[in-house]
ModelCIF file with pLDDT and N, C-alpha, C, O atoms, coordinates in Angstrom:
data_MODEL
#
_entry.id   MODEL 
#
_entity.id                         1 
_entity.type                       polymer 
_entity.pdbx_number_of_molecules   1 
#
_entity_poly.entity_id                      1 
_entity_poly.type                           'polypeptide(L)' 
_entity_poly.nstd_linkage                   no 
_entity_poly.nstd_monomer                   no 
_entity_poly.pdbx_seq_one_letter_code       QFSLNARKNGFGAIIAAAGMAAHLAGAIAANTTLPVIGIPINSGKLS 
_entity_poly.pdbx_seq_one_letter_code_can   QFSLNARKNGFGAIIAAAGMAAHLAGAIAANTTLPVIGIPINSGKLS 
_entity_poly.pdbx_strand_id                 A 
#
loop_
_entity_poly_seq.entity_id 
_entity_poly_seq.num 
_entity_poly_seq.mon_id 
_entity_poly_seq.hetero 
1 1  GLN n 
1 2  PHE n 
1 3  SER n 
1 4  LEU n 
1 5  ASN n 
1 6  ALA n 
1 7  ARG n 
1 8  LYS n 
1 9  ASN n 
1 10 GLY n 
1 11 PHE n 
1 12 GLY n 
1 13 ALA n 
1 14 ILE n 
1 15 ILE n 
1 16 ALA n 
1 17 ALA n 
1 18 ALA n 
1 19 GLY n 
1 20 MET n 
1 21 ALA n 
1 22 ALA n 
1 23 HIS n 
1 24 LEU n 
1 25 ALA n 
1 26 GLY n 
1 27 ALA n 
1 28 ILE n 
1 29 ALA n 
1 30 ALA n 
1 31 ASN n 
1 32 THR n 
1 33 THR n 
1 34 LEU n 
1 35 PRO n 
1 36 VAL n 
1 37 ILE n 
1 38 GLY n 
1 39 ILE n 
1 40 PRO n 
1 41 ILE n 
1 42 ASN n 
1 43 SER n 
1 44 GLY n 
1 45 LYS n 
1 46 LEU n 
1 47 SER n 
#
_struct_asym.id          A 
_struct_asym.entity_id   1 
#
loop_
_ma_qa_metric.id 
_ma_qa_metric.mode 
_ma_qa_metric.name 
_ma_qa_metric.software_group_id 
_ma_qa_metric.type 
1 global pLDDT . pLDDT 
2 local  pLDDT . pLDDT 
#
_ma_qa_metric_global.metric_id      1 
_ma_qa_metric_global.metric_value   96.72 
_ma_qa_metric_global.model_id       1 
_ma_qa_metric_global.ordinal_id     1 
#
loop_
_ma_qa_metric_local.label_asym_id 
_ma_qa_metric_local.label_comp_id 
_ma_qa_metric_local.label_seq_id 
_ma_qa_metric_local.metric_id 
_ma_qa_metric_local.metric_value 
_ma_qa_metric_local.model_id 
_ma_qa_metric_local.ordinal_id 
A GLN 1  2 98.00 1 1  
A PHE 2  2 98.00 1 2  
A SER 3  2 98.00 1 3  
A LEU 4  2 98.00 1 4  
A ASN 5  2 98.00 1 5  
A ALA 6  2 98.00 1 6  
A ARG 7  2 98.00 1 7  
A LYS 8  2 98.00 1 8  
A ASN 9  2 98.00 1 9  
A GLY 10 2 98.00 1 10 
A PHE 11 2 98.00 1 11 
A GLY 12 2 98.00 1 12 
A ALA 13 2 98.00 1 13 
A ILE 14 2 98.00 1 14 
A ILE 15 2 98.00 1 15 
A ALA 16 2 98.00 1 16 
A ALA 17 2 98.00 1 17 
A ALA 18 2 97.00 1 18 
A GLY 19 2 96.00 1 19 
A MET 20 2 94.00 1 20 
A ALA 21 2 89.00 1 21 
A ALA 22 2 94.00 1 22 
A HIS 23 2 96.00 1 23 
A LEU 24 2 98.00 1 24 
A ALA 25 2 98.00 1 25 
A GLY 26 2 97.00 1 26 
A ALA 27 2 97.00 1 27 
A ILE 28 2 98.00 1 28 
A ALA 29 2 98.00 1 29 
A ALA 30 2 98.00 1 30 
A ASN 31 2 98.00 1 31 
A THR 32 2 98.00 1 32 
A THR 33 2 98.00 1 33 
A LEU 34 2 98.00 1 34 
A PRO 35 2 98.00 1 35 
A VAL 36 2 98.00 1 36 
A ILE 37 2 98.00 1 37 
A GLY 38 2 98.00 1 38 
A ILE 39 2 98.00 1 39 
A PRO 40 2 98.00 1 40 
A ILE 41 2 98.00 1 41 
A ASN 42 2 97.00 1 42 
A SER 43 2 92.00 1 43 
A GLY 44 2 81.00 1 44 
A LYS 45 2 91.00 1 45 
A LEU 46 2 95.00 1 46 
A SER 47 2 96.00 1 47 
#
loop_
_atom_site.group_PDB 
_atom_site.id 
_atom_site.type_symbol 
_atom_site.label_atom_id 
_atom_site.label_alt_id 
_atom_site.label_comp_id 
_atom_site.label_asym_id 
_atom_site.label_entity_id 
_atom_site.label_seq_id 
_atom_site.pdbx_PDB_ins_code 
_atom_site.Cartn_x 
_atom_site.Cartn_y 
_atom_site.Cartn_z 
_atom_site.occupancy 
_atom_site.B_iso_or_equiv 
_atom_site.pdbx_formal_charge 
_atom_site.auth_seq_id 
_atom_site.auth_comp_id 
_atom_site.auth_asym_id 
_atom_site.auth_atom_id 
_atom_site.pdbx_PDB_model_num 
ATOM 1   N N  . GLN A 1 1  ? -26.237 50.597 -43.214 1.00 98.00 ? 1  GLN A N  1 
ATOM 2   C CA . GLN A 1 1  ? -25.976 50.298 -41.807 1.00 98.00 ? 1  GLN A CA 1 
ATOM 3   C C  . GLN A 1 1  ? -25.301 51.476 -41.096 1.00 98.00 ? 1  GLN A C  1 
ATOM 4   O O  . GLN A 1 1  ? -25.621 51.783 -39.947 1.00 98.00 ? 1  GLN A O  1 
ATOM 5   N N  . PHE A 1 2  ? -24.371 52.128 -41.787 1.00 98.00 ? 2  PHE A N  1 
ATOM 6   C CA . PHE A 1 2  ? -23.754 53.318 -41.193 1.00 98.00 ? 2  PHE A CA 1 
ATOM 7   C C  . PHE A 1 2  ? -24.824 54.348 -40.863 1.00 98.00 ? 2  PHE A C  1 
ATOM 8   O O  . PHE A 1 2  ? -24.844 54.902 -39.764 1.00 98.00 ? 2  PHE A O  1 
ATOM 9   N N  . SER A 1 3  ? -25.706 54.600 -41.811 1.00 98.00 ? 3  SER A N  1 
ATOM 10  C CA . SER A 1 3  ? -26.756 55.612 -41.644 1.00 98.00 ? 3  SER A CA 1 
ATOM 11  C C  . SER A 1 3  ? -27.728 55.246 -40.532 1.00 98.00 ? 3  SER A C  1 
ATOM 12  O O  . SER A 1 3  ? -28.056 56.076 -39.684 1.00 98.00 ? 3  SER A O  1 
ATOM 13  N N  . LEU A 1 4  ? -28.186 54.000 -40.542 1.00 98.00 ? 4  LEU A N  1 
ATOM 14  C CA . LEU A 1 4  ? -29.154 53.561 -39.532 1.00 98.00 ? 4  LEU A CA 1 
ATOM 15  C C  . LEU A 1 4  ? -28.597 53.670 -38.119 1.00 98.00 ? 4  LEU A C  1 
ATOM 16  O O  . LEU A 1 4  ? -29.349 53.914 -37.176 1.00 98.00 ? 4  LEU A O  1 
ATOM 17  N N  . ASN A 1 5  ? -27.296 53.492 -37.965 1.00 98.00 ? 5  ASN A N  1 
ATOM 18  C CA . ASN A 1 5  ? -26.674 53.474 -36.637 1.00 98.00 ? 5  ASN A CA 1 
ATOM 19  C C  . ASN A 1 5  ? -25.943 54.767 -36.285 1.00 98.00 ? 5  ASN A C  1 
ATOM 20  O O  . ASN A 1 5  ? -25.370 54.871 -35.201 1.00 98.00 ? 5  ASN A O  1 
ATOM 21  N N  . ALA A 1 6  ? -25.953 55.738 -37.170 1.00 98.00 ? 6  ALA A N  1 
ATOM 22  C CA . ALA A 1 6  ? -25.157 56.956 -36.965 1.00 98.00 ? 6  ALA A CA 1 
ATOM 23  C C  . ALA A 1 6  ? -25.517 57.694 -35.677 1.00 98.00 ? 6  ALA A C  1 
ATOM 24  O O  . ALA A 1 6  ? -24.625 58.073 -34.917 1.00 98.00 ? 6  ALA A O  1 
ATOM 25  N N  . ARG A 1 7  ? -26.778 57.899 -35.426 1.00 98.00 ? 7  ARG A N  1 
ATOM 26  C CA . ARG A 1 7  ? -27.178 58.655 -34.231 1.00 98.00 ? 7  ARG A CA 1 
ATOM 27  C C  . ARG A 1 7  ? -26.706 57.939 -32.966 1.00 98.00 ? 7  ARG A C  1 
ATOM 28  O O  . ARG A 1 7  ? -26.117 58.566 -32.086 1.00 98.00 ? 7  ARG A O  1 
ATOM 29  N N  . LYS A 1 8  ? -26.957 56.644 -32.868 1.00 98.00 ? 8  LYS A N  1 
ATOM 30  C CA . LYS A 1 8  ? -26.562 55.917 -31.650 1.00 98.00 ? 8  LYS A CA 1 
ATOM 31  C C  . LYS A 1 8  ? -25.053 55.791 -31.534 1.00 98.00 ? 8  LYS A C  1 
ATOM 32  O O  . LYS A 1 8  ? -24.534 55.545 -30.445 1.00 98.00 ? 8  LYS A O  1 
ATOM 33  N N  . ASN A 1 9  ? -24.336 55.956 -32.653 1.00 98.00 ? 9  ASN A N  1 
ATOM 34  C CA . ASN A 1 9  ? -22.878 55.903 -32.629 1.00 98.00 ? 9  ASN A CA 1 
ATOM 35  C C  . ASN A 1 9  ? -22.232 57.266 -32.408 1.00 98.00 ? 9  ASN A C  1 
ATOM 36  O O  . ASN A 1 9  ? -21.021 57.412 -32.575 1.00 98.00 ? 9  ASN A O  1 
ATOM 37  N N  . GLY A 1 10 ? -23.034 58.269 -32.031 1.00 98.00 ? 10 GLY A N  1 
ATOM 38  C CA . GLY A 1 10 ? -22.484 59.555 -31.618 1.00 98.00 ? 10 GLY A CA 1 
ATOM 39  C C  . GLY A 1 10 ? -22.330 60.601 -32.700 1.00 98.00 ? 10 GLY A C  1 
ATOM 40  O O  . GLY A 1 10 ? -21.686 61.626 -32.478 1.00 98.00 ? 10 GLY A O  1 
ATOM 41  N N  . PHE A 1 11 ? -22.903 60.369 -33.857 1.00 98.00 ? 11 PHE A N  1 
ATOM 42  C CA . PHE A 1 11 ? -22.803 61.364 -34.927 1.00 98.00 ? 11 PHE A CA 1 
ATOM 43  C C  . PHE A 1 11 ? -23.919 62.400 -34.794 1.00 98.00 ? 11 PHE A C  1 
ATOM 44  O O  . PHE A 1 11 ? -25.021 62.097 -34.337 1.00 98.00 ? 11 PHE A O  1 
ATOM 45  N N  . GLY A 1 12 ? -23.605 63.621 -35.201 1.00 98.00 ? 12 GLY A N  1 
ATOM 46  C CA . GLY A 1 12 ? -24.591 64.703 -35.181 1.00 98.00 ? 12 GLY A CA 1 
ATOM 47  C C  . GLY A 1 12 ? -24.912 65.221 -36.564 1.00 98.00 ? 12 GLY A C  1 
ATOM 48  O O  . GLY A 1 12 ? -25.901 65.930 -36.748 1.00 98.00 ? 12 GLY A O  1 
ATOM 49  N N  . ALA A 1 13 ? -24.088 64.875 -37.541 1.00 98.00 ? 13 ALA A N  1 
ATOM 50  C CA . ALA A 1 13 ? -24.296 65.275 -38.938 1.00 98.00 ? 13 ALA A CA 1 
ATOM 51  C C  . ALA A 1 13 ? -23.423 64.385 -39.804 1.00 98.00 ? 13 ALA A C  1 
ATOM 52  O O  . ALA A 1 13 ? -22.445 63.798 -39.340 1.00 98.00 ? 13 ALA A O  1 
ATOM 53  N N  . ILE A 1 14 ? -23.801 64.298 -41.082 1.00 98.00 ? 14 ILE A N  1 
ATOM 54  C CA . ILE A 1 14 ? -23.049 63.470 -42.015 1.00 98.00 ? 14 ILE A CA 1 
ATOM 55  C C  . ILE A 1 14 ? -22.789 64.270 -43.285 1.00 98.00 ? 14 ILE A C  1 
ATOM 56  O O  . ILE A 1 14 ? -23.690 64.904 -43.834 1.00 98.00 ? 14 ILE A O  1 
ATOM 57  N N  . ILE A 1 15 ? -21.545 64.227 -43.738 1.00 98.00 ? 15 ILE A N  1 
ATOM 58  C CA . ILE A 1 15 ? -21.171 64.780 -45.037 1.00 98.00 ? 15 ILE A CA 1 
ATOM 59  C C  . ILE A 1 15 ? -21.028 63.597 -45.986 1.00 98.00 ? 15 ILE A C  1 
ATOM 60  O O  . ILE A 1 15 ? -20.351 62.618 -45.672 1.00 98.00 ? 15 ILE A O  1 
ATOM 61  N N  . ALA A 1 16 ? -21.671 63.693 -47.151 1.00 98.00 ? 16 ALA A N  1 
ATOM 62  C CA . ALA A 1 16 ? -21.590 62.620 -48.142 1.00 98.00 ? 16 ALA A CA 1 
ATOM 63  C C  . ALA A 1 16 ? -21.100 63.193 -49.461 1.00 98.00 ? 16 ALA A C  1 
ATOM 64  O O  . ALA A 1 16 ? -21.751 64.056 -50.051 1.00 98.00 ? 16 ALA A O  1 
ATOM 65  N N  . ALA A 1 17 ? -19.958 62.713 -49.922 1.00 98.00 ? 17 ALA A N  1 
ATOM 66  C CA . ALA A 1 17 ? -19.338 63.234 -51.148 1.00 98.00 ? 17 ALA A CA 1 
ATOM 67  C C  . ALA A 1 17 ? -19.351 62.160 -52.223 1.00 98.00 ? 17 ALA A C  1 
ATOM 68  O O  . ALA A 1 17 ? -18.922 61.030 -51.991 1.00 98.00 ? 17 ALA A O  1 
ATOM 69  N N  . ALA A 1 18 ? -19.851 62.526 -53.410 1.00 97.00 ? 18 ALA A N  1 
ATOM 70  C CA . ALA A 1 18 ? -19.871 61.565 -54.514 1.00 97.00 ? 18 ALA A CA 1 
ATOM 71  C C  . ALA A 1 18 ? -19.928 62.313 -55.834 1.00 97.00 ? 18 ALA A C  1 
ATOM 72  O O  . ALA A 1 18 ? -20.437 63.431 -55.922 1.00 97.00 ? 18 ALA A O  1 
ATOM 73  N N  . GLY A 1 19 ? -19.397 61.669 -56.847 1.00 96.00 ? 19 GLY A N  1 
ATOM 74  C CA . GLY A 1 19 ? -19.424 62.230 -58.186 1.00 96.00 ? 19 GLY A CA 1 
ATOM 75  C C  . GLY A 1 19 ? -20.360 61.458 -59.093 1.00 96.00 ? 19 GLY A C  1 
ATOM 76  O O  . GLY A 1 19 ? -20.959 60.457 -58.699 1.00 96.00 ? 19 GLY A O  1 
ATOM 77  N N  . MET A 1 20 ? -20.467 61.943 -60.302 1.00 94.00 ? 20 MET A N  1 
ATOM 78  C CA . MET A 1 20 ? -21.261 61.341 -61.366 1.00 94.00 ? 20 MET A CA 1 
ATOM 79  C C  . MET A 1 20 ? -22.717 61.153 -60.926 1.00 94.00 ? 20 MET A C  1 
ATOM 80  O O  . MET A 1 20 ? -23.408 62.147 -60.703 1.00 94.00 ? 20 MET A O  1 
ATOM 81  N N  . ALA A 1 21 ? -23.207 59.917 -60.795 1.00 89.00 ? 21 ALA A N  1 
ATOM 82  C CA . ALA A 1 21 ? -24.604 59.700 -60.421 1.00 89.00 ? 21 ALA A CA 1 
ATOM 83  C C  . ALA A 1 21 ? -24.900 60.247 -59.024 1.00 89.00 ? 21 ALA A C  1 
ATOM 84  O O  . ALA A 1 21 ? -26.025 60.665 -58.751 1.00 89.00 ? 21 ALA A O  1 
ATOM 85  N N  . ALA A 1 22 ? -23.915 60.247 -58.151 1.00 94.00 ? 22 ALA A N  1 
ATOM 86  C CA . ALA A 1 22 ? -23.964 60.912 -56.839 1.00 94.00 ? 22 ALA A CA 1 
ATOM 87  C C  . ALA A 1 22 ? -25.208 60.586 -56.020 1.00 94.00 ? 22 ALA A C  1 
ATOM 88  O O  . ALA A 1 22 ? -25.882 61.488 -55.522 1.00 94.00 ? 22 ALA A O  1 
ATOM 89  N N  . HIS A 1 23 ? -25.509 59.314 -55.883 1.00 96.00 ? 23 HIS A N  1 
ATOM 90  C CA . HIS A 1 23 ? -26.665 58.915 -55.088 1.00 96.00 ? 23 HIS A CA 1 
ATOM 91  C C  . HIS A 1 23 ? -26.336 58.749 -53.609 1.00 96.00 ? 23 HIS A C  1 
ATOM 92  O O  . HIS A 1 23 ? -27.229 58.479 -52.807 1.00 96.00 ? 23 HIS A O  1 
ATOM 93  N N  . LEU A 1 24 ? -25.081 58.905 -53.240 1.00 98.00 ? 24 LEU A N  1 
ATOM 94  C CA . LEU A 1 24 ? -24.665 58.608 -51.870 1.00 98.00 ? 24 LEU A CA 1 
ATOM 95  C C  . LEU A 1 24 ? -25.389 59.450 -50.827 1.00 98.00 ? 24 LEU A C  1 
ATOM 96  O O  . LEU A 1 24 ? -25.909 58.904 -49.854 1.00 98.00 ? 24 LEU A O  1 
ATOM 97  N N  . ALA A 1 25 ? -25.434 60.755 -51.007 1.00 98.00 ? 25 ALA A N  1 
ATOM 98  C CA . ALA A 1 25 ? -26.075 61.613 -49.999 1.00 98.00 ? 25 ALA A CA 1 
ATOM 99  C C  . ALA A 1 25 ? -27.541 61.233 -49.809 1.00 98.00 ? 25 ALA A C  1 
ATOM 100 O O  . ALA A 1 25 ? -28.027 61.187 -48.679 1.00 98.00 ? 25 ALA A O  1 
ATOM 101 N N  . GLY A 1 26 ? -28.241 60.963 -50.894 1.00 97.00 ? 26 GLY A N  1 
ATOM 102 C CA . GLY A 1 26 ? -29.632 60.561 -50.800 1.00 97.00 ? 26 GLY A CA 1 
ATOM 103 C C  . GLY A 1 26 ? -29.805 59.213 -50.135 1.00 97.00 ? 26 GLY A C  1 
ATOM 104 O O  . GLY A 1 26 ? -30.730 59.016 -49.346 1.00 97.00 ? 26 GLY A O  1 
ATOM 105 N N  . ALA A 1 27 ? -28.915 58.282 -50.452 1.00 97.00 ? 27 ALA A N  1 
ATOM 106 C CA . ALA A 1 27 ? -28.976 56.963 -49.830 1.00 97.00 ? 27 ALA A CA 1 
ATOM 107 C C  . ALA A 1 27 ? -28.718 57.057 -48.328 1.00 97.00 ? 27 ALA A C  1 
ATOM 108 O O  . ALA A 1 27 ? -29.358 56.365 -47.537 1.00 97.00 ? 27 ALA A O  1 
ATOM 109 N N  . ILE A 1 28 ? -27.793 57.904 -47.949 1.00 98.00 ? 28 ILE A N  1 
ATOM 110 C CA . ILE A 1 28 ? -27.516 58.123 -46.524 1.00 98.00 ? 28 ILE A CA 1 
ATOM 111 C C  . ILE A 1 28 ? -28.727 58.784 -45.866 1.00 98.00 ? 28 ILE A C  1 
ATOM 112 O O  . ILE A 1 28 ? -29.192 58.325 -44.823 1.00 98.00 ? 28 ILE A O  1 
ATOM 113 N N  . ALA A 1 29 ? -29.235 59.846 -46.463 1.00 98.00 ? 29 ALA A N  1 
ATOM 114 C CA . ALA A 1 29 ? -30.355 60.595 -45.884 1.00 98.00 ? 29 ALA A CA 1 
ATOM 115 C C  . ALA A 1 29 ? -31.615 59.748 -45.758 1.00 98.00 ? 29 ALA A C  1 
ATOM 116 O O  . ALA A 1 29 ? -32.414 59.961 -44.846 1.00 98.00 ? 29 ALA A O  1 
ATOM 117 N N  . ALA A 1 30 ? -31.798 58.801 -46.652 1.00 98.00 ? 30 ALA A N  1 
ATOM 118 C CA . ALA A 1 30 ? -32.984 57.943 -46.608 1.00 98.00 ? 30 ALA A CA 1 
ATOM 119 C C  . ALA A 1 30 ? -33.013 57.065 -45.366 1.00 98.00 ? 30 ALA A C  1 
ATOM 120 O O  . ALA A 1 30 ? -34.068 56.547 -45.000 1.00 98.00 ? 30 ALA A O  1 
ATOM 121 N N  . ASN A 1 31 ? -31.866 56.893 -44.715 1.00 98.00 ? 31 ASN A N  1 
ATOM 122 C CA . ASN A 1 31 ? -31.761 55.972 -43.590 1.00 98.00 ? 31 ASN A CA 1 
ATOM 123 C C  . ASN A 1 31 ? -31.374 56.626 -42.278 1.00 98.00 ? 31 ASN A C  1 
ATOM 124 O O  . ASN A 1 31 ? -30.981 55.939 -41.335 1.00 98.00 ? 31 ASN A O  1 
ATOM 125 N N  . THR A 1 32 ? -31.481 57.953 -42.205 1.00 98.00 ? 32 THR A N  1 
ATOM 126 C CA . THR A 1 32 ? -31.195 58.661 -40.956 1.00 98.00 ? 32 THR A CA 1 
ATOM 127 C C  . THR A 1 32 ? -32.006 59.943 -40.913 1.00 98.00 ? 32 THR A C  1 
ATOM 128 O O  . THR A 1 32 ? -32.411 60.471 -41.948 1.00 98.00 ? 32 THR A O  1 
ATOM 129 N N  . THR A 1 33 ? -32.237 60.436 -39.710 1.00 98.00 ? 33 THR A N  1 
ATOM 130 C CA . THR A 1 33 ? -32.860 61.749 -39.564 1.00 98.00 ? 33 THR A CA 1 
ATOM 131 C C  . THR A 1 33 ? -31.836 62.806 -39.162 1.00 98.00 ? 33 THR A C  1 
ATOM 132 O O  . THR A 1 33 ? -32.203 63.935 -38.837 1.00 98.00 ? 33 THR A O  1 
ATOM 133 N N  . LEU A 1 34 ? -30.556 62.447 -39.182 1.00 98.00 ? 34 LEU A N  1 
ATOM 134 C CA . LEU A 1 34 ? -29.499 63.431 -38.950 1.00 98.00 ? 34 LEU A CA 1 
ATOM 135 C C  . LEU A 1 34 ? -29.368 64.337 -40.163 1.00 98.00 ? 34 LEU A C  1 
ATOM 136 O O  . LEU A 1 34 ? -29.729 63.932 -41.268 1.00 98.00 ? 34 LEU A O  1 
ATOM 137 N N  . PRO A 1 35 ? -28.860 65.556 -39.986 1.00 98.00 ? 35 PRO A N  1 
ATOM 138 C CA . PRO A 1 35 ? -28.591 66.404 -41.147 1.00 98.00 ? 35 PRO A CA 1 
ATOM 139 C C  . PRO A 1 35 ? -27.541 65.766 -42.044 1.00 98.00 ? 35 PRO A C  1 
ATOM 140 O O  . PRO A 1 35 ? -26.511 65.290 -41.568 1.00 98.00 ? 35 PRO A O  1 
ATOM 141 N N  . VAL A 1 36 ? -27.809 65.760 -43.341 1.00 98.00 ? 36 VAL A N  1 
ATOM 142 C CA . VAL A 1 36 ? -26.877 65.243 -44.339 1.00 98.00 ? 36 VAL A CA 1 
ATOM 143 C C  . VAL A 1 36 ? -26.518 66.372 -45.286 1.00 98.00 ? 36 VAL A C  1 
ATOM 144 O O  . VAL A 1 36 ? -27.393 67.042 -45.836 1.00 98.00 ? 36 VAL A O  1 
ATOM 145 N N  . ILE A 1 37 ? -25.228 66.575 -45.470 1.00 98.00 ? 37 ILE A N  1 
ATOM 146 C CA . ILE A 1 37 ? -24.729 67.606 -46.375 1.00 98.00 ? 37 ILE A CA 1 
ATOM 147 C C  . ILE A 1 37 ? -24.023 66.901 -47.523 1.00 98.00 ? 37 ILE A C  1 
ATOM 148 O O  . ILE A 1 37 ? -23.067 66.155 -47.310 1.00 98.00 ? 37 ILE A O  1 
ATOM 149 N N  . GLY A 1 38 ? -24.494 67.139 -48.735 1.00 98.00 ? 38 GLY A N  1 
ATOM 150 C CA . GLY A 1 38 ? -23.915 66.505 -49.900 1.00 98.00 ? 38 GLY A CA 1 
ATOM 151 C C  . GLY A 1 38 ? -22.867 67.385 -50.556 1.00 98.00 ? 38 GLY A C  1 
ATOM 152 O O  . GLY A 1 38 ? -23.062 68.589 -50.719 1.00 98.00 ? 38 GLY A O  1 
ATOM 153 N N  . ILE A 1 39 ? -21.760 66.773 -50.929 1.00 98.00 ? 39 ILE A N  1 
ATOM 154 C CA . ILE A 1 39 ? -20.732 67.448 -51.726 1.00 98.00 ? 39 ILE A CA 1 
ATOM 155 C C  . ILE A 1 39 ? -20.721 66.791 -53.103 1.00 98.00 ? 39 ILE A C  1 
ATOM 156 O O  . ILE A 1 39 ? -20.271 65.652 -53.230 1.00 98.00 ? 39 ILE A O  1 
ATOM 157 N N  . PRO A 1 40 ? -21.204 67.479 -54.135 1.00 98.00 ? 40 PRO A N  1 
ATOM 158 C CA . PRO A 1 40 ? -21.067 66.938 -55.485 1.00 98.00 ? 40 PRO A CA 1 
ATOM 159 C C  . PRO A 1 40 ? -19.607 67.039 -55.920 1.00 98.00 ? 40 PRO A C  1 
ATOM 160 O O  . PRO A 1 40 ? -18.986 68.095 -55.800 1.00 98.00 ? 40 PRO A O  1 
ATOM 161 N N  . ILE A 1 41 ? -19.071 65.939 -56.421 1.00 98.00 ? 41 ILE A N  1 
ATOM 162 C CA . ILE A 1 41 ? -17.658 65.893 -56.796 1.00 98.00 ? 41 ILE A CA 1 
ATOM 163 C C  . ILE A 1 41 ? -17.517 66.016 -58.310 1.00 98.00 ? 41 ILE A C  1 
ATOM 164 O O  . ILE A 1 41 ? -18.253 65.384 -59.067 1.00 98.00 ? 41 ILE A O  1 
ATOM 165 N N  . ASN A 1 42 ? -16.572 66.832 -58.733 1.00 97.00 ? 42 ASN A N  1 
ATOM 166 C CA . ASN A 1 42 ? -16.247 66.982 -60.153 1.00 97.00 ? 42 ASN A CA 1 
ATOM 167 C C  . ASN A 1 42 ? -15.402 65.781 -60.572 1.00 97.00 ? 42 ASN A C  1 
ATOM 168 O O  . ASN A 1 42 ? -14.183 65.778 -60.400 1.00 97.00 ? 42 ASN A O  1 
ATOM 169 N N  . SER A 1 43 ? -16.064 64.757 -61.126 1.00 92.00 ? 43 SER A N  1 
ATOM 170 C CA . SER A 1 43 ? -15.313 63.552 -61.469 1.00 92.00 ? 43 SER A CA 1 
ATOM 171 C C  . SER A 1 43 ? -15.684 62.976 -62.830 1.00 92.00 ? 43 SER A C  1 
ATOM 172 O O  . SER A 1 43 ? -15.187 61.912 -63.200 1.00 92.00 ? 43 SER A O  1 
ATOM 173 N N  . GLY A 1 44 ? -16.521 63.638 -63.560 1.00 81.00 ? 44 GLY A N  1 
ATOM 174 C CA . GLY A 1 44 ? -16.954 63.066 -64.826 1.00 81.00 ? 44 GLY A CA 1 
ATOM 175 C C  . GLY A 1 44 ? -16.851 64.046 -65.973 1.00 81.00 ? 44 GLY A C  1 
ATOM 176 O O  . GLY A 1 44 ? -16.307 65.142 -65.836 1.00 81.00 ? 44 GLY A O  1 
ATOM 177 N N  . LYS A 1 45 ? -17.374 63.637 -67.084 1.00 91.00 ? 45 LYS A N  1 
ATOM 178 C CA . LYS A 1 45 ? -17.321 64.446 -68.297 1.00 91.00 ? 45 LYS A CA 1 
ATOM 179 C C  . LYS A 1 45 ? -18.144 65.720 -68.197 1.00 91.00 ? 45 LYS A C  1 
ATOM 180 O O  . LYS A 1 45 ? -17.938 66.651 -68.976 1.00 91.00 ? 45 LYS A O  1 
ATOM 181 N N  . LEU A 1 46 ? -19.071 65.776 -67.255 1.00 95.00 ? 46 LEU A N  1 
ATOM 182 C CA . LEU A 1 46 ? -19.942 66.939 -67.118 1.00 95.00 ? 46 LEU A CA 1 
ATOM 183 C C  . LEU A 1 46 ? -19.448 67.928 -66.056 1.00 95.00 ? 46 LEU A C  1 
ATOM 184 O O  . LEU A 1 46 ? -20.196 68.807 -65.629 1.00 95.00 ? 46 LEU A O  1 
ATOM 185 N N  . SER A 1 47 ? -18.205 67.784 -65.638 1.00 96.00 ? 47 SER A N  1 
ATOM 186 C CA . SER A 1 47 ? -17.558 68.717 -64.693 1.00 96.00 ? 47 SER A CA 1 
ATOM 187 C C  . SER A 1 47 ? -18.292 68.855 -63.362 1.00 96.00 ? 47 SER A C  1 
ATOM 188 O O  . SER A 1 47 ? -17.852 69.604 -62.490 1.00 96.00 ? 47 SER A O  1 
#
């Protein structure tokens, strides 16, 4: 819902930060045409 409504809510870009499986940026990008920038987070055994 955040992604689908981001443009109409005044956003111009989205930063999505997640660790491990890190599907957040992709899930956000799948629901908006705004630029999405992913930050992979060092939070697991694989650094």
